[in-house]
Amino acid sequence: MEVIIVFILFVLAPLAVFRGIKMLRDSSPARERPERASSGASSAMRKSELEALIQDAVIDATAPLAARIDELEREFLLGDGRLDASTLSEAFDDDLAPEASGRNELRARDRA
């Protein structure tokens, strides 16, 4: 029985520790980087490239909104300084228009 305990303590335990260390070293990111560089197929992206990609996506996403704002500003400036309710209901979703009018009624009651 003592032989088995000595074998486990002095052979198997150190062997397990050294194999674990070797496995961690082999799978470390530092080892993978030279392999990627030598293959030439790097999927890394620079910060400036990422920023440019994000900026392009934001511009594309906000372009329709900017065009609608310009259209509403033109209508406001060419008109008498007021926008009619139909224009506003188109600008904001139709389901929001009754809610906005309900708020105005509440404000009018509060003032009175």
N, C-alpha and C. Protein backbone atom coordinates (compact mmCIF):
# COMPACT_ATOMS: atom_id res chain seq x y z
N MET A 1 0.82 -1.21 0.00
CA MET A 1 0.00 0.00 0.00
C MET A 1 0.86 1.26 0.00
N GLU A 2 1.94 1.21 0.78
CA GLU A 2 2.84 2.38 0.85
C GLU A 2 3.49 2.64 -0.51
N VAL A 3 3.75 1.60 -1.25
CA VAL A 3 4.39 1.74 -2.56
C VAL A 3 3.48 2.50 -3.52
N ILE A 4 2.20 2.23 -3.46
CA ILE A 4 1.24 2.91 -4.33
C ILE A 4 1.16 4.39 -3.97
N ILE A 5 1.14 4.72 -2.69
CA ILE A 5 1.08 6.12 -2.25
C ILE A 5 2.33 6.86 -2.68
N VAL A 6 3.51 6.25 -2.50
CA VAL A 6 4.77 6.86 -2.91
C VAL A 6 4.79 7.04 -4.43
N PHE A 7 4.33 6.05 -5.17
CA PHE A 7 4.28 6.15 -6.63
C PHE A 7 3.38 7.30 -7.07
N ILE A 8 2.22 7.43 -6.45
CA ILE A 8 1.29 8.51 -6.80
C ILE A 8 1.89 9.86 -6.46
N LEU A 9 2.49 9.99 -5.28
CA LEU A 9 3.03 11.29 -4.85
C LEU A 9 4.25 11.71 -5.65
N PHE A 10 5.15 10.79 -5.93
CA PHE A 10 6.42 11.17 -6.54
C PHE A 10 6.50 10.94 -8.05
N VAL A 11 5.53 10.26 -8.64
CA VAL A 11 5.57 10.03 -10.08
C VAL A 11 4.34 10.62 -10.78
N LEU A 12 3.17 10.20 -10.39
CA LEU A 12 1.96 10.62 -11.10
C LEU A 12 1.62 12.10 -10.86
N ALA A 13 1.75 12.58 -9.64
CA ALA A 13 1.42 13.99 -9.37
C ALA A 13 2.34 14.94 -10.14
N PRO A 14 3.68 14.78 -10.07
CA PRO A 14 4.54 15.67 -10.87
C PRO A 14 4.30 15.52 -12.38
N LEU A 15 4.05 14.29 -12.81
CA LEU A 15 3.78 14.06 -14.23
C LEU A 15 2.53 14.83 -14.68
N ALA A 16 1.50 14.80 -13.87
CA ALA A 16 0.26 15.53 -14.20
C ALA A 16 0.51 17.03 -14.23
N VAL A 17 1.30 17.53 -13.29
CA VAL A 17 1.60 18.97 -13.25
C VAL A 17 2.38 19.38 -14.50
N PHE A 18 3.42 18.62 -14.85
CA PHE A 18 4.23 18.98 -16.01
C PHE A 18 3.46 18.85 -17.33
N ARG A 19 2.61 17.87 -17.44
CA ARG A 19 1.78 17.74 -18.65
C ARG A 19 0.79 18.91 -18.75
N GLY A 20 0.23 19.33 -17.62
CA GLY A 20 -0.68 20.48 -17.62
C GLY A 20 0.02 21.74 -18.06
N ILE A 21 1.25 21.95 -17.56
CA ILE A 21 2.03 23.14 -17.94
C ILE A 21 2.34 23.08 -19.43
N LYS A 22 2.75 21.92 -19.93
CA LYS A 22 3.08 21.78 -21.35
C LYS A 22 1.85 22.04 -22.22
N MET A 23 0.71 21.53 -21.79
CA MET A 23 -0.51 21.74 -22.55
C MET A 23 -0.88 23.23 -22.59
N LEU A 24 -0.72 23.93 -21.48
CA LEU A 24 -1.02 25.37 -21.45
C LEU A 24 -0.06 26.16 -22.34
N ARG A 25 1.21 25.78 -22.32
CA ARG A 25 2.19 26.48 -23.17
C ARG A 25 1.90 26.26 -24.65
N ASP A 26 1.50 25.06 -25.00
CA ASP A 26 1.22 24.75 -26.41
C ASP A 26 -0.02 25.47 -26.92
N SER A 27 -0.97 25.74 -26.04
CA SER A 27 -2.21 26.38 -26.48
C SER A 27 -2.22 27.89 -26.21
N SER A 28 -1.11 28.47 -25.83
CA SER A 28 -1.08 29.90 -25.50
C SER A 28 -1.19 30.74 -26.77
N PRO A 29 -1.76 31.94 -26.68
CA PRO A 29 -1.89 32.81 -27.86
C PRO A 29 -0.54 33.25 -28.41
N ALA A 30 0.48 33.32 -27.58
CA ALA A 30 1.80 33.73 -28.06
C ALA A 30 2.34 32.74 -29.09
N ARG A 31 2.03 31.48 -28.93
CA ARG A 31 2.47 30.48 -29.90
C ARG A 31 1.70 30.57 -31.21
N GLU A 32 0.45 30.98 -31.15
CA GLU A 32 -0.38 31.01 -32.34
C GLU A 32 -0.07 32.21 -33.23
N ARG A 33 0.40 33.27 -32.67
CA ARG A 33 0.65 34.48 -33.46
C ARG A 33 1.69 34.29 -34.56
N PRO A 34 2.86 33.69 -34.27
CA PRO A 34 3.81 33.49 -35.38
C PRO A 34 3.26 32.61 -36.48
N GLU A 35 2.44 31.62 -36.14
CA GLU A 35 1.85 30.76 -37.17
C GLU A 35 0.92 31.55 -38.07
N ARG A 36 0.14 32.46 -37.47
CA ARG A 36 -0.77 33.28 -38.27
C ARG A 36 0.01 34.22 -39.18
N ALA A 37 1.08 34.79 -38.65
CA ALA A 37 1.88 35.73 -39.44
C ALA A 37 2.54 35.03 -40.61
N SER A 38 2.99 33.80 -40.41
CA SER A 38 3.66 33.08 -41.49
C SER A 38 2.67 32.62 -42.56
N SER A 39 1.43 32.37 -42.17
CA SER A 39 0.45 31.91 -43.15
C SER A 39 -0.05 33.05 -44.02
N GLY A 40 0.03 34.28 -43.54
CA GLY A 40 -0.38 35.43 -44.32
C GLY A 40 -1.86 35.71 -44.28
N ALA A 41 -2.64 34.87 -43.63
CA ALA A 41 -4.09 35.05 -43.56
C ALA A 41 -4.46 35.59 -42.18
N SER A 42 -4.23 36.85 -42.00
CA SER A 42 -4.53 37.47 -40.70
C SER A 42 -5.93 38.06 -40.73
N SER A 43 -6.70 37.76 -39.72
CA SER A 43 -8.06 38.30 -39.65
C SER A 43 -8.13 39.48 -38.70
N ALA A 44 -6.98 39.96 -38.25
CA ALA A 44 -6.95 41.10 -37.32
C ALA A 44 -7.34 42.37 -38.07
N MET A 45 -7.99 43.26 -37.34
CA MET A 45 -8.43 44.52 -37.93
C MET A 45 -7.82 45.66 -37.12
N ARG A 46 -7.33 46.65 -37.80
CA ARG A 46 -6.75 47.79 -37.10
C ARG A 46 -7.85 48.67 -36.54
N LYS A 47 -7.49 49.46 -35.54
CA LYS A 47 -8.46 50.33 -34.88
C LYS A 47 -9.03 51.34 -35.88
N SER A 48 -8.20 51.91 -36.72
CA SER A 48 -8.67 52.89 -37.69
C SER A 48 -9.65 52.26 -38.69
N GLU A 49 -9.38 51.01 -39.09
CA GLU A 49 -10.29 50.33 -40.00
C GLU A 49 -11.64 50.08 -39.35
N LEU A 50 -11.60 49.68 -38.07
CA LEU A 50 -12.84 49.44 -37.34
C LEU A 50 -13.63 50.73 -37.17
N GLU A 51 -12.94 51.82 -36.84
CA GLU A 51 -13.62 53.11 -36.70
C GLU A 51 -14.25 53.55 -38.01
N ALA A 52 -13.54 53.36 -39.11
CA ALA A 52 -14.08 53.73 -40.43
C ALA A 52 -15.30 52.89 -40.77
N LEU A 53 -15.25 51.60 -40.45
CA LEU A 53 -16.39 50.72 -40.70
C LEU A 53 -17.60 51.15 -39.90
N ILE A 54 -17.39 51.48 -38.62
CA ILE A 54 -18.49 51.92 -37.76
C ILE A 54 -19.05 53.25 -38.26
N GLN A 55 -18.18 54.17 -38.63
CA GLN A 55 -18.64 55.47 -39.12
C GLN A 55 -19.48 55.32 -40.39
N ASP A 56 -19.05 54.46 -41.31
CA ASP A 56 -19.82 54.22 -42.53
C ASP A 56 -21.20 53.62 -42.21
N ALA A 57 -21.22 52.69 -41.26
CA ALA A 57 -22.50 52.07 -40.89
C ALA A 57 -23.44 53.08 -40.26
N VAL A 58 -22.90 53.98 -39.44
CA VAL A 58 -23.74 55.01 -38.80
C VAL A 58 -24.28 55.98 -39.84
N ILE A 59 -23.45 56.38 -40.77
CA ILE A 59 -23.89 57.31 -41.83
C ILE A 59 -24.98 56.65 -42.66
N ASP A 60 -24.79 55.38 -43.02
CA ASP A 60 -25.81 54.67 -43.81
C ASP A 60 -27.12 54.54 -43.04
N ALA A 61 -27.02 54.30 -41.74
CA ALA A 61 -28.22 54.10 -40.94
C ALA A 61 -28.98 55.40 -40.69
N THR A 62 -28.28 56.50 -40.58
CA THR A 62 -28.94 57.78 -40.28
C THR A 62 -29.28 58.60 -41.51
N ALA A 63 -28.89 58.14 -42.69
CA ALA A 63 -29.17 58.90 -43.92
C ALA A 63 -30.66 59.13 -44.14
N PRO A 64 -31.52 58.13 -44.00
CA PRO A 64 -32.96 58.39 -44.20
C PRO A 64 -33.52 59.39 -43.18
N LEU A 65 -33.05 59.30 -41.95
CA LEU A 65 -33.50 60.24 -40.93
C LEU A 65 -33.05 61.67 -41.25
N ALA A 66 -31.82 61.83 -41.68
CA ALA A 66 -31.32 63.15 -42.04
C ALA A 66 -32.09 63.73 -43.23
N ALA A 67 -32.42 62.88 -44.20
CA ALA A 67 -33.20 63.35 -45.35
C ALA A 67 -34.60 63.79 -44.92
N ARG A 68 -35.22 63.05 -44.02
CA ARG A 68 -36.56 63.41 -43.53
C ARG A 68 -36.52 64.71 -42.73
N ILE A 69 -35.49 64.89 -41.94
CA ILE A 69 -35.35 66.14 -41.17
C ILE A 69 -35.18 67.32 -42.11
N ASP A 70 -34.37 67.15 -43.15
CA ASP A 70 -34.21 68.23 -44.14
C ASP A 70 -35.53 68.55 -44.81
N GLU A 71 -36.29 67.54 -45.16
CA GLU A 71 -37.60 67.76 -45.79
C GLU A 71 -38.54 68.53 -44.86
N LEU A 72 -38.59 68.14 -43.60
CA LEU A 72 -39.45 68.83 -42.63
C LEU A 72 -39.00 70.27 -42.40
N GLU A 73 -37.69 70.49 -42.37
CA GLU A 73 -37.20 71.85 -42.21
C GLU A 73 -37.59 72.72 -43.40
N ARG A 74 -37.49 72.16 -44.62
CA ARG A 74 -37.90 72.92 -45.81
C ARG A 74 -39.38 73.27 -45.75
N GLU A 75 -40.22 72.30 -45.36
CA GLU A 75 -41.66 72.57 -45.25
C GLU A 75 -41.93 73.64 -44.18
N PHE A 76 -41.19 73.59 -43.10
CA PHE A 76 -41.38 74.55 -42.02
C PHE A 76 -40.96 75.95 -42.46
N LEU A 77 -39.83 76.06 -43.15
CA LEU A 77 -39.34 77.36 -43.57
C LEU A 77 -40.15 77.94 -44.72
N LEU A 78 -40.66 77.11 -45.62
CA LEU A 78 -41.43 77.61 -46.75
C LEU A 78 -42.87 77.92 -46.36
N GLY A 79 -43.35 77.30 -45.32
CA GLY A 79 -44.73 77.52 -44.90
C GLY A 79 -44.82 78.75 -44.01
N ASP A 80 -45.86 78.80 -43.19
CA ASP A 80 -46.08 79.95 -42.31
C ASP A 80 -45.41 79.76 -40.95
N GLY A 81 -44.50 78.83 -40.86
CA GLY A 81 -43.81 78.60 -39.59
C GLY A 81 -44.45 77.52 -38.76
N ARG A 82 -45.50 76.88 -39.27
CA ARG A 82 -46.17 75.81 -38.55
C ARG A 82 -46.26 74.59 -39.46
N LEU A 83 -46.18 73.45 -38.84
CA LEU A 83 -46.36 72.21 -39.58
C LEU A 83 -47.74 71.68 -39.26
N ASP A 84 -48.45 71.19 -40.27
CA ASP A 84 -49.78 70.64 -40.01
C ASP A 84 -49.67 69.25 -39.37
N ALA A 85 -50.75 68.80 -38.80
CA ALA A 85 -50.77 67.54 -38.06
C ALA A 85 -50.47 66.34 -38.94
N SER A 86 -50.89 66.39 -40.20
CA SER A 86 -50.64 65.25 -41.08
C SER A 86 -49.14 65.09 -41.35
N THR A 87 -48.45 66.19 -41.49
CA THR A 87 -47.01 66.12 -41.70
C THR A 87 -46.31 65.55 -40.47
N LEU A 88 -46.76 66.01 -39.30
CA LEU A 88 -46.15 65.51 -38.07
C LEU A 88 -46.47 64.04 -37.85
N SER A 89 -47.67 63.62 -38.19
CA SER A 89 -48.02 62.21 -38.00
C SER A 89 -47.23 61.33 -38.96
N GLU A 90 -46.85 61.87 -40.13
CA GLU A 90 -45.99 61.11 -41.03
C GLU A 90 -44.57 61.08 -40.50
N ALA A 91 -44.12 62.19 -39.91
CA ALA A 91 -42.76 62.27 -39.40
C ALA A 91 -42.57 61.32 -38.23
N PHE A 92 -43.51 61.33 -37.33
CA PHE A 92 -43.50 60.40 -36.20
C PHE A 92 -44.54 59.35 -36.52
N ASP A 93 -44.39 58.19 -36.03
CA ASP A 93 -45.33 57.11 -36.38
C ASP A 93 -46.75 57.52 -36.06
N ASP A 94 -47.71 56.99 -36.83
CA ASP A 94 -49.13 57.32 -36.64
C ASP A 94 -49.62 56.95 -35.26
N ASP A 95 -49.06 55.92 -34.66
CA ASP A 95 -49.52 55.52 -33.34
C ASP A 95 -49.08 56.50 -32.26
N LEU A 96 -48.10 57.34 -32.55
CA LEU A 96 -47.66 58.33 -31.57
C LEU A 96 -48.47 59.63 -31.65
N ALA A 97 -49.07 59.89 -32.78
CA ALA A 97 -49.80 61.14 -32.95
C ALA A 97 -50.96 61.28 -31.96
N PRO A 98 -51.83 60.29 -31.74
CA PRO A 98 -52.90 60.45 -30.75
C PRO A 98 -52.36 60.64 -29.34
N GLU A 99 -51.25 59.99 -29.03
CA GLU A 99 -50.65 60.14 -27.71
C GLU A 99 -50.18 61.58 -27.50
N ALA A 100 -49.59 62.16 -28.54
CA ALA A 100 -49.12 63.54 -28.43
C ALA A 100 -50.29 64.50 -28.27
N SER A 101 -51.40 64.26 -28.98
CA SER A 101 -52.54 65.14 -28.84
C SER A 101 -53.16 64.99 -27.46
N GLY A 102 -53.14 63.79 -26.90
CA GLY A 102 -53.64 63.57 -25.54
C GLY A 102 -52.81 64.32 -24.53
N ARG A 103 -51.53 64.38 -24.74
CA ARG A 103 -50.67 65.16 -23.83
C ARG A 103 -51.00 66.64 -23.90
N ASN A 104 -51.24 67.11 -25.13
CA ASN A 104 -51.57 68.53 -25.28
C ASN A 104 -52.88 68.86 -24.57
N GLU A 105 -53.87 67.95 -24.62
CA GLU A 105 -55.12 68.19 -23.91
C GLU A 105 -54.89 68.23 -22.41
N LEU A 106 -54.03 67.36 -21.91
CA LEU A 106 -53.72 67.36 -20.48
C LEU A 106 -53.03 68.66 -20.07
N ARG A 107 -52.14 69.14 -20.90
CA ARG A 107 -51.45 70.40 -20.60
C ARG A 107 -52.44 71.55 -20.59
N ALA A 108 -53.37 71.52 -21.56
CA ALA A 108 -54.37 72.60 -21.62
C ALA A 108 -55.24 72.58 -20.37
N ARG A 109 -55.61 71.39 -19.89
CA ARG A 109 -56.41 71.30 -18.66
C ARG A 109 -55.62 71.77 -17.46
N ASP A 110 -54.33 71.46 -17.42
CA ASP A 110 -53.50 71.88 -16.29
C ASP A 110 -53.35 73.39 -16.23
N ARG A 111 -53.28 74.01 -17.38
CA ARG A 111 -53.13 75.48 -17.44
C ARG A 111 -54.41 76.21 -17.02
N ALA A 112 -55.54 75.58 -17.31
CA ALA A 112 -56.82 76.24 -17.03
C ALA A 112 -57.20 76.25 -15.56
